[in-house]
Amino acid sequence: MNRLETKMSPCPRYEKSLILYSHQELGRKKVVSLHKHLSQCERCRGYLDELDRVFRIIESQDVPTCDLSLDVQW
């Protein structure tokens, strides 16, 4: 397995938890379990690092604004 695959391939059982964790939306009991797993799993640590990197890039982008009000004339 190459370096990219390692980062992008978390353990299937933990993938959803890692995403929720990165958004600070994972319940406390699951956080404890995930921390234990992360202490032993390089693949999931790499995936979490990659998620954090991607989300930081997304958050740093300017989001175009648009006027959603419609000026409809009949």
C-alpha atoms as a PDB file:
ATOM      1  CA  MET A   1       0.000   0.000   0.000  1.00  0.00           C
ATOM      2  CA  ASN A   2       1.462   3.357  -0.936  1.00  0.00           C
ATOM      3  CA  ARG A   3       1.367   6.527   1.178  1.00  0.00           C
ATOM      4  CA  LEU A   4      -1.687   7.998  -0.563  1.00  0.00           C
ATOM      5  CA  GLU A   5      -3.695   4.814  -0.096  1.00  0.00           C
ATOM      6  CA  THR A   6      -2.791   4.756   3.577  1.00  0.00           C
ATOM      7  CA  LYS A   7      -4.098   8.268   4.100  1.00  0.00           C
ATOM      8  CA  MET A   8      -7.231   7.797   2.045  1.00  0.00           C
ATOM      9  CA  SER A   9      -8.235   4.336   3.299  1.00  0.00           C
ATOM     10  CA  PRO A  10      -9.514   4.308   6.870  1.00  0.00           C
ATOM     11  CA  CYS A  11     -10.818   1.176   8.520  1.00  0.00           C
ATOM     12  CA  PRO A  12     -14.359   0.849   7.122  1.00  0.00           C
ATOM     13  CA  ARG A  13     -15.788   0.456  10.628  1.00  0.00           C
ATOM     14  CA  TYR A  14     -14.462   3.891  11.639  1.00  0.00           C
ATOM     15  CA  GLU A  15     -14.910   5.979   8.494  1.00  0.00           C
ATOM     16  CA  LYS A  16     -18.242   7.566   9.481  1.00  0.00           C
ATOM     17  CA  SER A  17     -17.003   8.210  13.027  1.00  0.00           C
ATOM     18  CA  LEU A  18     -13.894   9.929  11.683  1.00  0.00           C
ATOM     19  CA  ILE A  19     -15.990  12.252   9.537  1.00  0.00           C
ATOM     20  CA  LEU A  20     -18.308  13.090  12.436  1.00  0.00           C
ATOM     21  CA  TYR A  21     -15.320  13.570  14.730  1.00  0.00           C
ATOM     22  CA  SER A  22     -13.683  15.972  12.314  1.00  0.00           C
ATOM     23  CA  HIS A  23     -16.874  18.064  12.454  1.00  0.00           C
ATOM     24  CA  GLN A  24     -17.043  17.762  16.267  1.00  0.00           C
ATOM     25  CA  GLU A  25     -20.354  15.906  15.960  1.00  0.00           C
ATOM     26  CA  LEU A  26     -19.388  12.545  17.457  1.00  0.00           C
ATOM     27  CA  GLY A  27     -20.877  11.532  20.811  1.00  0.00           C
ATOM     28  CA  ARG A  28     -18.604  11.417  23.859  1.00  0.00           C
ATOM     29  CA  LYS A  29     -18.651   7.604  24.230  1.00  0.00           C
ATOM     30  CA  LYS A  30     -17.704   7.145  20.599  1.00  0.00           C
ATOM     31  CA  VAL A  31     -14.950   9.755  20.908  1.00  0.00           C
ATOM     32  CA  VAL A  32     -13.342   7.709  23.678  1.00  0.00           C
ATOM     33  CA  SER A  33     -13.521   4.571  21.546  1.00  0.00           C
ATOM     34  CA  LEU A  34     -12.198   6.416  18.495  1.00  0.00           C
ATOM     35  CA  HIS A  35      -9.264   7.894  20.448  1.00  0.00           C
ATOM     36  CA  LYS A  36      -8.306   4.398  21.554  1.00  0.00           C
ATOM     37  CA  HIS A  37      -8.477   3.169  17.968  1.00  0.00           C
ATOM     38  CA  LEU A  38      -6.521   6.163  16.634  1.00  0.00           C
ATOM     39  CA  SER A  39      -3.730   5.481  19.112  1.00  0.00           C
ATOM     40  CA  GLN A  40      -3.194   2.144  17.365  1.00  0.00           C
ATOM     41  CA  CYS A  41      -4.180   2.775  13.738  1.00  0.00           C
ATOM     42  CA  GLU A  42      -1.928   4.723  11.400  1.00  0.00           C
ATOM     43  CA  ARG A  43      -4.405   4.407   8.512  1.00  0.00           C
ATOM     44  CA  CYS A  44      -7.209   6.145  10.404  1.00  0.00           C
ATOM     45  CA  ARG A  45      -4.856   8.816  11.779  1.00  0.00           C
ATOM     46  CA  GLY A  46      -3.736   9.537   8.227  1.00  0.00           C
ATOM     47  CA  TYR A  47      -7.329   9.675   7.017  1.00  0.00           C
ATOM     48  CA  LEU A  48      -8.259  12.083   9.811  1.00  0.00           C
ATOM     49  CA  ASP A  49      -5.281  14.290   8.967  1.00  0.00           C
ATOM     50  CA  GLU A  50      -6.365  14.312   5.330  1.00  0.00           C
ATOM     51  CA  LEU A  51      -9.969  15.162   6.266  1.00  0.00           C
ATOM     52  CA  ASP A  52      -8.786  18.044   8.416  1.00  0.00           C
ATOM     53  CA  ARG A  53      -6.575  19.315   5.595  1.00  0.00           C
ATOM     54  CA  VAL A  54      -9.389  19.145   3.042  1.00  0.00           C
ATOM     55  CA  PHE A  55     -11.908  20.829   5.351  1.00  0.00           C
ATOM     56  CA  ARG A  56      -9.431  23.639   6.127  1.00  0.00           C
ATOM     57  CA  ILE A  57      -8.996  24.229   2.393  1.00  0.00           C
ATOM     58  CA  ILE A  58     -12.752  24.273   1.842  1.00  0.00           C
ATOM     59  CA  GLU A  59     -13.330  26.644   4.758  1.00  0.00           C
ATOM     60  CA  SER A  60     -10.646  29.019   3.514  1.00  0.00           C
ATOM     61  CA  GLN A  61     -12.320  29.469   0.138  1.00  0.00           C
ATOM     62  CA  ASP A  62     -14.458  32.495  -0.536  1.00  0.00           C
ATOM     63  CA  VAL A  63     -18.004  31.389  -1.048  1.00  0.00           C
ATOM     64  CA  PRO A  64     -19.770  33.394  -3.707  1.00  0.00           C
ATOM     65  CA  THR A  65     -22.880  35.060  -2.455  1.00  0.00           C
ATOM     66  CA  CYS A  66     -26.040  35.377  -4.414  1.00  0.00           C
ATOM     67  CA  ASP A  67     -29.256  37.242  -3.949  1.00  0.00           C
ATOM     68  CA  LEU A  68     -31.944  34.644  -3.494  1.00  0.00           C
ATOM     69  CA  SER A  69     -34.766  37.130  -3.489  1.00  0.00           C
ATOM     70  CA  LEU A  70     -36.769  37.075  -6.654  1.00  0.00           C
ATOM     71  CA  ASP A  71     -38.134  40.199  -8.194  1.00  0.00           C
ATOM     72  CA  VAL A  72     -40.993  38.638 -10.058  1.00  0.00           C
ATOM     73  CA  GLN A  73     -43.308  40.945 -11.883  1.00  0.00           C
ATOM     74  CA  TRP A  74     -46.528  39.663 -13.360  1.00  0.00           C
END
